[in-house]
């Protein structure tokens, strides 16, 4: 079995985390909201990983309660979603609490807990955006049958709750 190519994305209007093949990076552009959204879209689509077909792109879903922040993040999500659709890449959105629970066993884990858990599991994030992207990548690998972290009951429960079917493996 070949190793699946999975991309993890923690999209944001200020700093987007990106992970492919276990390598995490981030983008923090300047400018107006739309200029930042376009820069993030370009970074995601021109960065490493999407220059070749991916088996799965896993994106943290919008999970904020603050309206203005949600609107800003929606710009980034919309631009990236359209491009991924046009490329024909299978895409999955995962709620933030599920990402946190998969990473730490707690759906309300703090940013530092996500980073620590990522490092303990073999990641090397520079910040919480990279840690989140790494965990999204790890979820994608698990969904495609090639887990990169210890399998636990809570992780199996999260994978089951996500309910994504790997059509290529079926």
N, C-alpha and C. Protein backbone atom coordinates (compact mmCIF):
# COMPACT_ATOMS: atom_id res chain seq x y z
N UNK A 1 0.85 -1.19 0.00
CA UNK A 1 0.00 0.00 0.00
C UNK A 1 0.89 1.24 0.00
N UNK A 2 0.57 2.17 -0.87
CA UNK A 2 1.33 3.41 -0.90
C UNK A 2 0.85 4.33 0.22
N UNK A 3 1.74 5.19 0.66
CA UNK A 3 1.40 6.14 1.71
C UNK A 3 0.49 7.21 1.12
N UNK A 4 -0.67 7.43 1.73
CA UNK A 4 -1.58 8.44 1.19
C UNK A 4 -1.03 9.85 1.39
N UNK A 5 -1.33 10.71 0.44
CA UNK A 5 -0.97 12.12 0.56
C UNK A 5 -2.13 12.85 1.20
N UNK A 6 -1.89 13.39 2.40
CA UNK A 6 -2.92 14.11 3.15
C UNK A 6 -2.40 15.52 3.44
N UNK A 7 -3.27 16.50 3.28
CA UNK A 7 -2.95 17.89 3.60
C UNK A 7 -3.86 18.31 4.74
N UNK A 8 -3.30 18.88 5.81
CA UNK A 8 -4.06 19.43 6.92
C UNK A 8 -4.01 20.95 6.86
N UNK A 9 -5.18 21.59 6.98
CA UNK A 9 -5.25 23.05 6.90
C UNK A 9 -5.99 23.63 8.10
N UNK A 10 -5.36 24.56 8.80
CA UNK A 10 -5.99 25.34 9.85
C UNK A 10 -6.14 26.75 9.29
N UNK A 11 -7.24 26.98 8.56
CA UNK A 11 -7.45 28.25 7.87
C UNK A 11 -7.82 29.35 8.84
N UNK A 12 -7.29 30.54 8.60
CA UNK A 12 -7.56 31.69 9.45
C UNK A 12 -7.43 32.96 8.63
N UNK A 13 -7.97 34.04 9.14
CA UNK A 13 -7.83 35.32 8.44
C UNK A 13 -6.53 36.03 8.81
N UNK A 14 -5.81 35.51 9.80
CA UNK A 14 -4.56 36.15 10.22
C UNK A 14 -3.34 35.24 10.08
N UNK A 15 -3.49 33.94 10.36
CA UNK A 15 -2.36 33.01 10.26
C UNK A 15 -2.90 31.62 9.95
N UNK A 16 -2.55 31.09 8.79
CA UNK A 16 -3.02 29.78 8.37
C UNK A 16 -1.92 28.75 8.56
N UNK A 17 -2.27 27.63 9.21
CA UNK A 17 -1.35 26.52 9.37
C UNK A 17 -1.57 25.51 8.26
N UNK A 18 -0.49 24.84 7.85
CA UNK A 18 -0.50 23.95 6.70
C UNK A 18 0.38 22.76 7.03
N UNK A 19 -0.06 21.54 6.75
CA UNK A 19 0.78 20.37 6.99
C UNK A 19 0.60 19.37 5.88
N UNK A 20 1.70 18.90 5.31
CA UNK A 20 1.69 17.83 4.31
C UNK A 20 2.87 16.92 4.61
N UNK A 21 2.62 15.62 4.56
CA UNK A 21 3.65 14.62 4.83
C UNK A 21 4.34 14.84 6.18
N UNK A 22 3.60 15.36 7.16
CA UNK A 22 4.14 15.57 8.49
C UNK A 22 4.93 16.86 8.65
N UNK A 23 5.14 17.60 7.57
CA UNK A 23 5.86 18.87 7.63
C UNK A 23 4.86 20.01 7.76
N UNK A 24 4.95 20.77 8.84
CA UNK A 24 4.01 21.87 9.09
C UNK A 24 4.68 23.21 8.82
N UNK A 25 3.90 24.14 8.33
CA UNK A 25 4.35 25.51 8.08
C UNK A 25 3.15 26.43 8.27
N UNK A 26 3.40 27.74 8.19
CA UNK A 26 2.29 28.68 8.34
C UNK A 26 2.51 29.91 7.47
N UNK A 27 1.43 30.65 7.27
CA UNK A 27 1.46 31.88 6.48
C UNK A 27 0.77 32.97 7.29
N UNK A 28 1.44 34.13 7.43
CA UNK A 28 0.88 35.25 8.17
C UNK A 28 1.03 36.53 7.31
N UNK A 29 0.14 36.70 6.31
CA UNK A 29 0.26 37.87 5.42
C UNK A 29 -0.26 39.15 6.06
N UNK A 30 0.09 40.24 5.45
CA UNK A 30 -0.38 41.56 5.88
C UNK A 30 -1.35 42.10 4.84
N UNK A 31 -2.04 43.16 5.18
CA UNK A 31 -2.95 43.81 4.23
C UNK A 31 -4.38 43.80 4.72
N UNK A 32 -5.28 44.17 3.82
CA UNK A 32 -6.70 44.18 4.15
C UNK A 32 -7.19 42.74 4.29
N UNK A 33 -8.41 42.60 4.78
CA UNK A 33 -8.97 41.26 4.94
C UNK A 33 -8.96 40.48 3.63
N UNK A 34 -9.43 41.09 2.54
CA UNK A 34 -9.49 40.37 1.27
C UNK A 34 -8.09 40.10 0.74
N UNK A 35 -7.15 41.03 0.93
CA UNK A 35 -5.76 40.79 0.51
C UNK A 35 -5.16 39.61 1.28
N UNK A 36 -5.44 39.55 2.58
CA UNK A 36 -4.95 38.42 3.39
C UNK A 36 -5.60 37.12 2.95
N UNK A 37 -6.92 37.16 2.68
CA UNK A 37 -7.63 35.94 2.26
C UNK A 37 -7.05 35.42 0.94
N UNK A 38 -6.80 36.31 0.00
CA UNK A 38 -6.22 35.89 -1.28
C UNK A 38 -4.82 35.35 -1.07
N UNK A 39 -4.02 36.01 -0.23
CA UNK A 39 -2.66 35.53 0.05
C UNK A 39 -2.69 34.15 0.69
N UNK A 40 -3.63 33.92 1.60
CA UNK A 40 -3.74 32.61 2.24
C UNK A 40 -4.17 31.55 1.23
N UNK A 41 -5.14 31.90 0.39
CA UNK A 41 -5.56 30.96 -0.66
C UNK A 41 -4.38 30.58 -1.54
N UNK A 42 -3.63 31.58 -1.98
CA UNK A 42 -2.49 31.32 -2.85
C UNK A 42 -1.43 30.49 -2.14
N UNK A 43 -1.19 30.78 -0.88
CA UNK A 43 -0.21 30.02 -0.09
C UNK A 43 -0.62 28.55 -0.01
N UNK A 44 -1.90 28.31 0.29
CA UNK A 44 -2.39 26.94 0.43
C UNK A 44 -2.30 26.21 -0.90
N UNK A 45 -2.71 26.86 -1.99
CA UNK A 45 -2.80 26.18 -3.27
C UNK A 45 -1.48 26.11 -4.01
N UNK A 46 -0.55 26.99 -3.71
CA UNK A 46 0.74 26.98 -4.39
C UNK A 46 1.84 26.40 -3.51
N UNK A 47 1.50 26.13 -2.25
CA UNK A 47 2.49 25.58 -1.32
C UNK A 47 2.75 24.11 -1.58
N UNK A 48 3.61 23.52 -0.79
CA UNK A 48 3.93 22.11 -0.99
C UNK A 48 2.71 21.23 -0.76
N UNK A 49 2.56 20.22 -1.56
CA UNK A 49 1.48 19.28 -1.35
C UNK A 49 0.39 19.35 -2.40
N UNK A 50 -0.14 20.52 -2.67
CA UNK A 50 -1.23 20.62 -3.63
C UNK A 50 -0.74 20.84 -5.05
N UNK A 51 0.59 20.88 -5.24
CA UNK A 51 1.12 20.90 -6.59
C UNK A 51 1.01 19.50 -7.20
N UNK A 52 0.63 18.51 -6.37
CA UNK A 52 0.36 17.15 -6.81
C UNK A 52 -1.00 16.75 -6.24
N UNK A 53 -1.65 15.75 -6.83
CA UNK A 53 -2.95 15.33 -6.29
C UNK A 53 -2.83 14.85 -4.85
N UNK A 54 -3.78 15.26 -4.02
CA UNK A 54 -3.83 14.80 -2.63
C UNK A 54 -4.95 13.77 -2.53
N UNK A 55 -4.76 12.78 -1.66
CA UNK A 55 -5.80 11.80 -1.42
C UNK A 55 -6.91 12.38 -0.55
N UNK A 56 -6.55 13.36 0.30
CA UNK A 56 -7.54 13.98 1.17
C UNK A 56 -6.98 15.29 1.71
N UNK A 57 -7.82 16.32 1.73
CA UNK A 57 -7.50 17.61 2.36
C UNK A 57 -8.42 17.73 3.57
N UNK A 58 -7.84 17.86 4.77
CA UNK A 58 -8.62 17.95 6.00
C UNK A 58 -8.50 19.36 6.54
N UNK A 59 -9.66 20.03 6.71
CA UNK A 59 -9.70 21.43 7.10
C UNK A 59 -10.47 21.57 8.41
N UNK A 60 -9.91 22.35 9.35
CA UNK A 60 -10.65 22.62 10.58
C UNK A 60 -11.84 23.51 10.24
N UNK A 61 -13.03 23.06 10.61
CA UNK A 61 -14.25 23.81 10.33
C UNK A 61 -14.27 25.11 11.14
N UNK A 62 -15.09 26.06 10.72
CA UNK A 62 -15.23 27.32 11.44
C UNK A 62 -15.95 27.04 12.76
N UNK A 63 -15.35 27.44 13.86
CA UNK A 63 -15.92 27.11 15.16
C UNK A 63 -15.95 28.27 16.12
N UNK A 64 -15.96 29.48 15.62
CA UNK A 64 -15.94 30.64 16.51
C UNK A 64 -17.35 31.15 16.79
N UNK A 65 -17.51 31.75 17.93
CA UNK A 65 -18.79 32.35 18.30
C UNK A 65 -18.80 33.85 18.03
N UNK A 66 -17.69 34.38 17.59
CA UNK A 66 -17.59 35.82 17.35
C UNK A 66 -17.90 36.10 15.88
N UNK A 67 -18.94 36.84 15.62
CA UNK A 67 -19.46 37.05 14.28
C UNK A 67 -18.41 37.63 13.33
N UNK A 68 -17.73 38.69 13.71
CA UNK A 68 -16.76 39.32 12.81
C UNK A 68 -15.61 38.38 12.49
N UNK A 69 -15.16 37.63 13.47
CA UNK A 69 -14.09 36.67 13.22
C UNK A 69 -14.58 35.59 12.27
N UNK A 70 -15.81 35.12 12.48
CA UNK A 70 -16.37 34.09 11.60
C UNK A 70 -16.47 34.60 10.16
N UNK A 71 -16.87 35.84 10.00
CA UNK A 71 -16.97 36.42 8.66
C UNK A 71 -15.59 36.48 8.02
N UNK A 72 -14.59 36.92 8.76
CA UNK A 72 -13.23 37.02 8.22
C UNK A 72 -12.71 35.64 7.82
N UNK A 73 -12.89 34.64 8.67
CA UNK A 73 -12.42 33.29 8.36
C UNK A 73 -13.20 32.73 7.16
N UNK A 74 -14.46 33.10 7.04
CA UNK A 74 -15.28 32.61 5.93
C UNK A 74 -14.73 33.04 4.58
N UNK A 75 -14.15 34.24 4.51
CA UNK A 75 -13.51 34.68 3.27
C UNK A 75 -12.44 33.68 2.86
N UNK A 76 -11.58 33.33 3.79
CA UNK A 76 -10.48 32.41 3.49
C UNK A 76 -11.04 31.05 3.09
N UNK A 77 -11.99 30.54 3.88
CA UNK A 77 -12.58 29.23 3.58
C UNK A 77 -13.22 29.23 2.19
N UNK A 78 -13.97 30.26 1.85
CA UNK A 78 -14.66 30.31 0.56
C UNK A 78 -13.67 30.27 -0.60
N UNK A 79 -12.62 31.06 -0.52
CA UNK A 79 -11.64 31.09 -1.60
C UNK A 79 -10.92 29.75 -1.74
N UNK A 80 -10.55 29.15 -0.62
CA UNK A 80 -9.86 27.85 -0.66
C UNK A 80 -10.82 26.75 -1.12
N UNK A 81 -12.05 26.76 -0.61
CA UNK A 81 -13.03 25.74 -1.00
C UNK A 81 -13.27 25.72 -2.51
N UNK A 82 -13.42 26.90 -3.10
CA UNK A 82 -13.66 26.98 -4.55
C UNK A 82 -12.48 26.38 -5.31
N UNK A 83 -11.28 26.73 -4.92
CA UNK A 83 -10.10 26.23 -5.62
C UNK A 83 -9.97 24.71 -5.47
N UNK A 84 -10.21 24.19 -4.27
CA UNK A 84 -10.12 22.74 -4.05
C UNK A 84 -11.18 22.02 -4.87
N UNK A 85 -12.37 22.58 -4.95
CA UNK A 85 -13.44 22.00 -5.76
C UNK A 85 -13.03 21.97 -7.23
N UNK A 86 -12.48 23.08 -7.71
CA UNK A 86 -12.05 23.15 -9.11
C UNK A 86 -10.93 22.16 -9.41
N UNK A 87 -10.08 21.87 -8.42
CA UNK A 87 -9.02 20.89 -8.59
C UNK A 87 -9.53 19.46 -8.46
N UNK A 88 -10.77 19.31 -7.98
CA UNK A 88 -11.36 17.99 -7.82
C UNK A 88 -10.78 17.19 -6.67
N UNK A 89 -10.28 17.87 -5.63
CA UNK A 89 -9.67 17.18 -4.50
C UNK A 89 -10.70 16.84 -3.44
N UNK A 90 -10.68 15.60 -2.93
CA UNK A 90 -11.59 15.24 -1.85
C UNK A 90 -11.28 16.08 -0.62
N UNK A 91 -12.30 16.68 -0.04
CA UNK A 91 -12.12 17.61 1.07
C UNK A 91 -13.06 17.24 2.21
N UNK A 92 -12.58 17.42 3.42
CA UNK A 92 -13.35 17.10 4.61
C UNK A 92 -13.16 18.20 5.64
N UNK A 93 -14.25 18.67 6.24
CA UNK A 93 -14.17 19.65 7.33
C UNK A 93 -14.36 18.92 8.66
N UNK A 94 -13.52 19.24 9.63
CA UNK A 94 -13.59 18.61 10.95
C UNK A 94 -13.76 19.71 11.99
N UNK A 95 -14.76 19.57 12.85
CA UNK A 95 -15.05 20.57 13.89
C UNK A 95 -13.86 20.71 14.83
N UNK A 96 -13.58 21.93 15.30
CA UNK A 96 -12.45 22.17 16.18
C UNK A 96 -12.44 21.27 17.42
N UNK A 97 -13.60 21.04 18.03
CA UNK A 97 -13.61 20.22 19.25
C UNK A 97 -13.21 18.78 18.94
N UNK A 98 -13.51 18.29 17.73
CA UNK A 98 -13.11 16.93 17.36
C UNK A 98 -11.60 16.86 17.11
N UNK A 99 -11.04 17.90 16.51
CA UNK A 99 -9.59 17.95 16.30
C UNK A 99 -8.89 17.93 17.66
N UNK A 100 -9.37 18.75 18.59
CA UNK A 100 -8.77 18.82 19.93
C UNK A 100 -8.89 17.49 20.66
N UNK A 101 -10.05 16.87 20.55
CA UNK A 101 -10.25 15.59 21.24
C UNK A 101 -9.36 14.50 20.63
N UNK A 102 -9.22 14.48 19.31
CA UNK A 102 -8.35 13.51 18.66
C UNK A 102 -6.90 13.70 19.13
N UNK A 103 -6.50 14.96 19.27
CA UNK A 103 -5.12 15.27 19.65
C UNK A 103 -4.82 14.99 21.11
N UNK A 104 -5.75 15.33 22.00
CA UNK A 104 -5.45 15.33 23.43
C UNK A 104 -6.38 14.47 24.27
N UNK A 105 -7.50 14.05 23.71
CA UNK A 105 -8.51 13.34 24.49
C UNK A 105 -9.53 14.27 25.11
N UNK A 106 -9.31 15.60 24.94
CA UNK A 106 -10.23 16.60 25.50
C UNK A 106 -10.69 17.55 24.39
N UNK A 107 -12.00 17.68 24.23
CA UNK A 107 -12.55 18.54 23.20
C UNK A 107 -12.40 20.02 23.44
N UNK A 108 -11.97 20.39 24.65
CA UNK A 108 -11.77 21.81 24.98
C UNK A 108 -10.31 22.12 25.28
N UNK A 109 -9.39 21.35 24.70
CA UNK A 109 -7.96 21.53 24.95
C UNK A 109 -7.53 22.95 24.56
N UNK A 110 -6.58 23.47 25.32
CA UNK A 110 -6.02 24.79 25.05
C UNK A 110 -4.92 24.69 23.99
N UNK A 111 -4.54 25.84 23.42
CA UNK A 111 -3.54 25.89 22.36
C UNK A 111 -2.22 25.23 22.78
N UNK A 112 -1.75 25.51 24.00
CA UNK A 112 -0.48 24.94 24.43
C UNK A 112 -0.57 23.42 24.57
N UNK A 113 -1.74 22.90 24.95
CA UNK A 113 -1.92 21.45 25.04
C UNK A 113 -1.86 20.80 23.66
N UNK A 114 -2.39 21.49 22.66
CA UNK A 114 -2.34 20.97 21.29
C UNK A 114 -0.89 20.91 20.79
N UNK A 115 -0.12 21.95 21.10
CA UNK A 115 1.28 21.98 20.68
C UNK A 115 2.07 20.87 21.37
N UNK A 116 1.89 20.75 22.68
CA UNK A 116 2.62 19.73 23.45
C UNK A 116 2.28 18.33 22.93
N UNK A 117 1.01 18.07 22.71
CA UNK A 117 0.58 16.77 22.21
C UNK A 117 1.16 16.50 20.82
N UNK A 118 1.23 17.52 20.00
CA UNK A 118 1.80 17.39 18.66
C UNK A 118 3.28 17.00 18.75
N UNK A 119 4.03 17.71 19.57
CA UNK A 119 5.45 17.41 19.73
C UNK A 119 5.65 16.00 20.27
N UNK A 120 4.88 15.62 21.27
CA UNK A 120 4.98 14.27 21.84
C UNK A 120 4.64 13.19 20.83
N UNK A 121 3.86 13.55 19.82
CA UNK A 121 3.44 12.57 18.81
C UNK A 121 4.32 12.58 17.57
N UNK A 122 5.37 13.41 17.57
CA UNK A 122 6.32 13.40 16.46
C UNK A 122 6.29 14.63 15.57
N UNK A 123 5.40 15.58 15.85
CA UNK A 123 5.35 16.81 15.06
C UNK A 123 6.38 17.81 15.54
N UNK A 124 6.61 18.86 14.78
CA UNK A 124 7.58 19.89 15.13
C UNK A 124 7.01 21.27 14.81
N UNK A 125 5.88 21.63 15.45
CA UNK A 125 5.23 22.91 15.10
C UNK A 125 5.94 24.11 15.71
N UNK A 126 5.91 25.21 14.97
CA UNK A 126 6.43 26.48 15.48
C UNK A 126 5.38 27.25 16.26
N UNK A 127 4.09 26.93 16.03
CA UNK A 127 3.02 27.65 16.70
C UNK A 127 1.76 26.80 16.71
N UNK A 128 0.69 27.30 17.29
CA UNK A 128 -0.54 26.52 17.40
C UNK A 128 -1.22 26.29 16.06
N UNK A 129 -1.06 27.19 15.10
CA UNK A 129 -1.65 26.99 13.78
C UNK A 129 -1.00 25.78 13.09
N UNK A 130 0.31 25.67 13.20
CA UNK A 130 1.01 24.52 12.63
C UNK A 130 0.63 23.24 13.37
N UNK A 131 0.46 23.32 14.69
CA UNK A 131 0.06 22.13 15.46
C UNK A 131 -1.33 21.67 15.02
N UNK A 132 -2.27 22.60 14.87
CA UNK A 132 -3.61 22.23 14.42
C UNK A 132 -3.57 21.60 13.03
N UNK A 133 -2.79 22.18 12.12
CA UNK A 133 -2.67 21.62 10.77
C UNK A 133 -2.07 20.22 10.83
N UNK A 134 -1.08 20.02 11.71
CA UNK A 134 -0.46 18.70 11.85
C UNK A 134 -1.49 17.69 12.32
N UNK A 135 -2.33 18.08 13.28
CA UNK A 135 -3.36 17.16 13.77
C UNK A 135 -4.41 16.87 12.70
N UNK A 136 -4.76 17.85 11.88
CA UNK A 136 -5.69 17.62 10.77
C UNK A 136 -5.09 16.63 9.77
N UNK A 137 -3.79 16.78 9.52
CA UNK A 137 -3.07 15.84 8.66
C UNK A 137 -3.11 14.44 9.27
N UNK A 138 -2.88 14.34 10.57
CA UNK A 138 -2.89 13.03 11.25
C UNK A 138 -4.28 12.39 11.17
N UNK A 139 -5.33 13.19 11.31
CA UNK A 139 -6.70 12.67 11.18
C UNK A 139 -6.90 12.13 9.76
N UNK A 140 -6.46 12.89 8.78
CA UNK A 140 -6.59 12.44 7.39
C UNK A 140 -5.86 11.14 7.14
N UNK A 141 -4.65 11.02 7.67
CA UNK A 141 -3.90 9.77 7.50
C UNK A 141 -4.65 8.61 8.15
N UNK A 142 -5.21 8.85 9.34
CA UNK A 142 -5.98 7.81 10.03
C UNK A 142 -7.19 7.40 9.20
N UNK A 143 -7.89 8.37 8.66
CA UNK A 143 -9.07 8.08 7.83
C UNK A 143 -8.72 7.27 6.59
N UNK A 144 -7.50 7.47 6.08
CA UNK A 144 -7.07 6.76 4.88
C UNK A 144 -6.36 5.44 5.21
N UNK A 145 -6.42 5.04 6.48
CA UNK A 145 -5.87 3.75 6.87
C UNK A 145 -4.38 3.73 7.12
N UNK A 146 -3.77 4.88 7.32
CA UNK A 146 -2.33 4.96 7.57
C UNK A 146 -2.07 5.87 8.76
N UNK A 147 -2.54 5.50 9.97
CA UNK A 147 -2.38 6.38 11.13
C UNK A 147 -0.91 6.64 11.45
N UNK A 148 -0.66 7.83 11.98
CA UNK A 148 0.70 8.23 12.33
C UNK A 148 0.88 8.42 13.83
N UNK A 149 -0.21 8.24 14.59
CA UNK A 149 -0.13 8.37 16.04
C UNK A 149 -0.73 7.12 16.68
N UNK A 150 -0.45 6.97 17.96
CA UNK A 150 -0.96 5.82 18.71
C UNK A 150 -2.48 5.77 18.61
N UNK A 151 -2.99 4.59 18.32
CA UNK A 151 -4.44 4.42 18.27
C UNK A 151 -4.97 4.25 19.69
N UNK A 152 -5.96 5.05 20.02
CA UNK A 152 -6.60 4.99 21.34
C UNK A 152 -8.11 4.90 21.13
N UNK A 153 -8.81 4.60 22.19
CA UNK A 153 -10.28 4.53 22.09
C UNK A 153 -10.85 5.89 21.69
N UNK A 154 -10.36 6.97 22.32
CA UNK A 154 -10.93 8.28 21.99
C UNK A 154 -10.62 8.67 20.55
N UNK A 155 -9.48 8.28 20.02
CA UNK A 155 -9.19 8.57 18.61
C UNK A 155 -10.08 7.74 17.70
N UNK A 156 -10.27 6.48 18.03
CA UNK A 156 -11.16 5.62 17.24
C UNK A 156 -12.59 6.18 17.26
N UNK A 157 -13.01 6.69 18.42
CA UNK A 157 -14.35 7.28 18.53
C UNK A 157 -14.48 8.52 17.63
N UNK A 158 -13.43 9.33 17.58
CA UNK A 158 -13.45 10.54 16.74
C UNK A 158 -13.53 10.13 15.27
N UNK A 159 -12.70 9.18 14.86
CA UNK A 159 -12.71 8.72 13.48
C UNK A 159 -14.10 8.20 13.12
N UNK A 160 -14.70 7.46 14.03
CA UNK A 160 -16.05 6.94 13.81
C UNK A 160 -17.07 8.09 13.73
N UNK A 161 -16.92 9.08 14.59
CA UNK A 161 -17.85 10.23 14.61
C UNK A 161 -17.74 11.04 13.32
N UNK A 162 -16.54 11.15 12.77
CA UNK A 162 -16.36 11.91 11.53
C UNK A 162 -17.12 11.21 10.41
N UNK A 163 -17.05 9.90 10.37
CA UNK A 163 -17.86 9.13 9.44
C UNK A 163 -17.49 9.25 7.98
N UNK A 164 -16.27 9.67 7.67
CA UNK A 164 -15.84 9.81 6.27
C UNK A 164 -15.52 8.44 5.71
N UNK A 165 -15.99 8.18 4.51
CA UNK A 165 -15.72 6.90 3.84
C UNK A 165 -14.61 7.10 2.82
N UNK A 166 -13.59 6.27 2.92
CA UNK A 166 -12.49 6.30 1.95
C UNK A 166 -12.93 5.51 0.72
N UNK A 167 -13.41 6.20 -0.30
CA UNK A 167 -13.93 5.56 -1.49
C UNK A 167 -12.82 4.80 -2.23
N UNK A 168 -11.58 5.27 -2.16
CA UNK A 168 -10.48 4.63 -2.86
C UNK A 168 -10.18 3.26 -2.26
N UNK A 169 -10.37 3.12 -0.94
CA UNK A 169 -10.07 1.86 -0.26
C UNK A 169 -11.22 0.88 -0.33
N UNK A 170 -12.40 1.37 -0.69
CA UNK A 170 -13.59 0.50 -0.72
C UNK A 170 -13.64 -0.40 -1.93
